[in-house]
Amino acid sequence: MDLGAFLIGVPIFFLFYQGVGLLLDARSQNRSWTSVGEVPQEAASKKILREFAHFSGKLGFNKVLLRHKQLNDRLELLLLRSGYPYGWKAEDLLLCKELCALFFVLLIWRMGTGQPVAYPGAALIGFWLPDLYIQSKVTARQAFIQKQLPGFVDLMALAMESGLDFMAAVERIMEKMKPGSLREELATLLQENRLGTPRKEALQHLAFRVNLPDIQSLTSIIIQSEELGTGLATVLRSYAEDMRSRRILRAEEMAGKAPVKLLFPMMVFFFPIVFVIIFGPLALNFMSGYK
């Protein structure tokens, strides 16, 4: 085996190995087991793959990189706000970024471009792509929470009007909610409060994790209401109506931007076809008459 084949085979093997682990994680969340004996085997294989990725992410150069507080905090914050997809940690994300960078460099090398500038460019693109993927997870998670938030605030107001405490109302509503991002954040809020974190700090942590303006406003309203002693149920009811009004305004804004966004695709893909259909026969008739 020559050196080139070895350099290409090693990163492909690691990528395949990590991909199998991610696939097992994703399938284990949605698959219902019919046989009890299959669960330990699946859990053991998933554990081996996860431990391998976790161990390889801490080896050598990665261990030094993760000591850099700014890089480590950036990766942890990105994973925190994305809900830790696939159970990734900072070392797992860093390993994935490095493997993607190496894969793109080897791809450029096999293509034989001969441009030295292409190698660092390919490495930067490969190193940046996992961040883009995780950021898309953050955006999707925030959109899901934004969609569920008005209904949750309405239920909170109704539960508190019936005499429940804030945390008791959150727990009662969370029990009836479907699994999702908002339910996960509420469960974290309750767990922090049960472990002794003051309610104000737990709400501030919630606003920091989600990083959504409506969540930040909601937590600020709850904190101020408790500090000033005002009725929280009435405040939540008015805030839910305000959120619905803002959602309608956002929908109208998106509808107003739609024609502008559709203009370029129509000019590139639709109008040329229409011109060919209309003027094509005329041009053919003109050319045949000219001959």
Foldseek 3Di string as FASTA:
>chain_A
DDPLVVLQVVLVVVVVLLVVLLVLLVCVVPDDDPDPVVVVVSVVSNVVSVVVLVVVLCDDPNVVVCVPPVLQVVQQLLCLLLVNRSVDHSSNLQVQLQSQLSNQLSVCVVVPPVDPVSNVVSSVVSNCVSSVVSVVSNVVQLVVCLVCVLVLLLQQLVVVVVPDDNLVSLVVVLVVDDDGSVSVLSVQLNVCVVVPDDNLVSLVVSCSNSVDVLSVVLSVLVVVCVVVVHDPSVVSVVSSVVSVVVVVVVVVVVVVCVVVVVPVVCVVPPVVVVCCVVCVVVVVVVVVVVD
